[in-house]
Amino acid sequence: MTKLTAVIDVASLCANWEPACPAAEDLARAAAGLALSRSKAGFGIEQRTVIELAISLADDAVQQRLNLDWRGVDQPTNVLAFPAWDPETPLPPGAALLLGDVVLAFETTAREADEQGKPLSDHLSHLIVHGVLHLLGYDHATEAEAVAMESLETSILASLGVPDPYRGTM
């Protein structure tokens, strides 16, 4: 099997991430990289040598604008995933797979972490994993999909040392 190479670009668009979670960019890269390596085989991308994705650490204002423009919802949300990859469209030989973008909103993410009594770093890791899995085609629209996605998320997060984010929240 060809080794996975992931190019993960992380951009901090909100100055609040750095003081609140100094390792945010590194945590985002680690969470995204592990989510890719642990879930890629089921989506026919194990043959690709390069996968590219972008992560934006934004604020609620940016997230609200994106949520309104793309989903018609005029409020911020914790994470949005914008897939660029269509598994039905073949890529030219040797081309990088442009997976898509994951965007996190600082204020919403920080508030949720506080309300749930968990470190911001753990919640950030969870939301990155969640967003990357959405880019790969996972969803939680049905109970069966939710169980499968949450199980994979929990397993990936455990490998990162992050406790099960769903324990005690259902």
Protein backbone atom coordinates (compact mmCIF):
# COMPACT_ATOMS: atom_id res chain seq x y z
CA MET A 1 0.00 0.00 0.00
CA THR A 2 1.19 3.48 -0.84
CA LYS A 3 1.98 5.65 2.16
CA LEU A 4 -0.43 8.52 2.77
CA THR A 5 1.01 11.99 2.37
CA ALA A 6 -1.23 14.72 3.69
CA VAL A 7 -0.73 18.40 3.09
CA ILE A 8 -2.74 20.10 5.81
CA ASP A 9 -2.79 23.88 5.63
CA VAL A 10 -3.96 25.55 8.84
CA ALA A 11 -4.79 29.25 8.84
CA SER A 12 -5.60 31.21 11.98
CA LEU A 13 -8.14 33.82 10.93
CA CYS A 14 -9.01 34.81 14.50
CA ALA A 15 -6.43 36.17 16.97
CA ASN A 16 -8.30 34.62 19.93
CA TRP A 17 -7.20 31.07 19.11
CA GLU A 18 -3.51 31.66 19.97
CA PRO A 19 -3.88 32.87 23.58
CA ALA A 20 -6.74 30.48 24.37
CA CYS A 21 -5.13 27.41 22.80
CA PRO A 22 -1.47 28.07 21.88
CA ALA A 23 -1.09 24.66 20.20
CA ALA A 24 -4.29 25.01 18.13
CA GLU A 25 -2.58 24.78 14.72
CA ASP A 26 -0.50 21.73 15.71
CA LEU A 27 -3.52 20.04 17.31
CA ALA A 28 -5.57 20.67 14.18
CA ARG A 29 -2.88 19.13 11.95
CA ALA A 30 -2.50 16.10 14.20
CA ALA A 31 -6.25 15.49 14.45
CA ALA A 32 -6.77 15.91 10.70
CA GLY A 33 -3.81 13.70 9.84
CA LEU A 34 -4.97 10.89 12.09
CA ALA A 35 -8.56 11.16 10.83
CA LEU A 36 -7.28 10.84 7.27
CA SER A 37 -5.01 7.89 7.96
CA ARG A 38 -7.61 6.01 10.03
CA SER A 39 -10.52 6.45 7.64
CA LYS A 40 -9.16 6.78 4.11
CA ALA A 41 -9.23 3.11 3.12
CA GLY A 42 -13.00 2.92 3.05
CA PHE A 43 -13.28 5.71 0.52
CA GLY A 44 -11.07 4.52 -2.31
CA ILE A 45 -8.30 7.02 -1.69
CA GLU A 46 -5.70 4.67 -0.31
CA GLN A 47 -3.97 4.69 -3.72
CA ARG A 48 -3.46 8.44 -3.66
CA THR A 49 -0.06 9.59 -2.52
CA VAL A 50 -1.02 13.19 -1.71
CA ILE A 51 -4.19 14.44 -0.04
CA GLU A 52 -4.63 18.16 0.52
CA LEU A 53 -7.01 19.90 2.88
CA ALA A 54 -7.33 23.30 4.50
CA ILE A 55 -8.35 24.14 8.03
CA SER A 56 -9.40 27.65 9.03
CA LEU A 57 -9.49 28.66 12.68
CA ALA A 58 -11.99 31.48 12.31
CA ASP A 59 -14.43 33.37 14.50
CA ASP A 60 -18.21 33.36 14.83
CA ALA A 61 -18.65 36.27 12.38
CA VAL A 62 -16.85 34.42 9.57
CA GLN A 63 -18.65 31.18 10.42
CA GLN A 64 -22.05 32.87 10.48
CA ARG A 65 -21.44 34.38 7.04
CA LEU A 66 -20.35 31.01 5.64
CA ASN A 67 -23.28 29.23 7.27
CA LEU A 68 -25.72 31.74 5.76
CA ASP A 69 -24.12 31.70 2.30
CA TRP A 70 -23.78 27.91 2.01
CA ARG A 71 -26.52 26.47 4.23
CA GLY A 72 -29.04 29.30 4.52
CA VAL A 73 -28.67 29.36 8.32
CA ASP A 74 -28.06 32.83 9.74
CA GLN A 75 -26.11 31.86 12.86
CA PRO A 76 -22.63 30.63 13.67
CA THR A 77 -21.93 26.95 14.23
CA ASN A 78 -18.93 25.16 15.69
CA VAL A 79 -17.62 23.47 12.52
CA LEU A 80 -18.37 23.53 8.82
CA ALA A 81 -16.94 21.16 6.23
CA PHE A 82 -16.78 22.05 2.54
CA PRO A 83 -15.89 19.01 0.45
CA ALA A 84 -14.03 19.58 -2.80
CA TRP A 85 -13.66 15.89 -3.64
CA ASP A 86 -16.23 13.98 -5.65
CA PRO A 87 -15.54 10.24 -5.35
CA GLU A 88 -17.39 9.68 -8.64
CA THR A 89 -14.99 11.90 -10.60
CA PRO A 90 -11.70 10.19 -11.44
CA LEU A 91 -8.53 12.17 -10.87
CA PRO A 92 -5.74 12.30 -13.43
CA PRO A 93 -2.87 9.92 -12.63
CA GLY A 94 -0.54 11.43 -10.05
CA ALA A 95 -2.88 14.31 -9.22
CA ALA A 96 -3.30 15.35 -5.62
CA LEU A 97 -6.70 14.77 -4.09
CA LEU A 98 -8.07 18.14 -2.98
CA LEU A 99 -10.27 16.99 -0.12
CA GLY A 100 -11.79 20.30 0.97
CA ASP A 101 -11.95 22.78 3.84
CA VAL A 102 -12.84 22.59 7.52
CA VAL A 103 -13.70 25.84 9.33
CA LEU A 104 -14.02 26.24 13.12
CA ALA A 105 -15.60 29.20 14.92
CA PHE A 106 -13.67 30.33 17.99
CA GLU A 107 -16.43 31.78 20.17
CA THR A 108 -18.85 28.89 19.60
CA THR A 109 -16.15 26.26 20.08
CA ALA A 110 -14.83 27.93 23.26
CA ARG A 111 -18.34 28.36 24.69
CA GLU A 112 -19.22 24.71 24.01
CA ALA A 113 -15.99 23.50 25.59
CA ASP A 114 -16.72 25.60 28.69
CA GLU A 115 -20.35 24.43 28.88
CA GLN A 116 -19.27 20.80 28.51
CA GLY A 117 -16.45 21.15 31.07
CA LYS A 118 -13.71 20.05 28.68
CA PRO A 119 -10.45 21.63 27.57
CA LEU A 120 -10.68 23.79 24.46
CA SER A 121 -7.86 21.72 22.96
CA ASP A 122 -9.92 18.51 23.26
CA HIS A 123 -13.01 20.12 21.73
CA LEU A 124 -10.93 21.57 18.89
CA SER A 125 -9.47 18.11 18.16
CA HIS A 126 -12.93 16.57 18.19
CA LEU A 127 -14.39 19.14 15.80
CA ILE A 128 -11.45 18.79 13.40
CA VAL A 129 -11.86 15.00 13.33
CA HIS A 130 -15.62 15.46 12.87
CA GLY A 131 -15.12 17.90 9.99
CA VAL A 132 -12.54 15.73 8.21
CA LEU A 133 -14.84 12.71 8.46
CA HIS A 134 -17.58 14.80 6.82
CA LEU A 135 -15.15 15.61 3.99
CA LEU A 136 -14.62 11.88 3.55
CA GLY A 137 -18.33 11.26 3.23
CA TYR A 138 -19.32 10.30 6.76
CA ASP A 139 -22.58 11.73 8.05
CA HIS A 140 -24.88 11.50 11.06
CA ALA A 141 -28.27 12.07 9.44
CA THR A 142 -29.56 8.66 10.53
CA GLU A 143 -29.00 6.80 13.78
CA ALA A 144 -26.93 4.11 12.03
CA GLU A 145 -24.73 6.75 10.37
CA ALA A 146 -24.33 8.60 13.66
CA VAL A 147 -23.28 5.43 15.50
CA ALA A 148 -20.68 4.60 12.83
CA MET A 149 -19.30 8.14 12.67
CA GLU A 150 -19.21 8.62 16.45
CA SER A 151 -17.49 5.26 16.92
CA LEU A 152 -14.74 6.21 14.48
CA GLU A 153 -14.42 9.69 16.02
CA THR A 154 -14.11 8.21 19.51
CA SER A 155 -11.44 5.76 18.37
CA ILE A 156 -9.40 8.45 16.60
CA LEU A 157 -9.69 10.82 19.56
CA ALA A 158 -8.60 8.08 21.99
CA SER A 159 -5.42 7.72 19.93
CA LEU A 160 -4.87 11.46 20.46
CA GLY A 161 -5.46 11.15 24.20
CA VAL A 162 -8.84 12.89 24.03
CA PRO A 163 -11.66 11.37 26.12
CA ASP A 164 -14.87 10.17 24.47
CA PRO A 165 -16.76 13.40 23.64
CA TYR A 166 -20.09 11.57 23.56
CA ARG A 167 -19.88 9.93 26.99
CA GLY A 168 -22.50 11.48 29.19
CA THR A 169 -23.84 13.84 26.54
CA MET A 170 -26.66 11.71 25.12
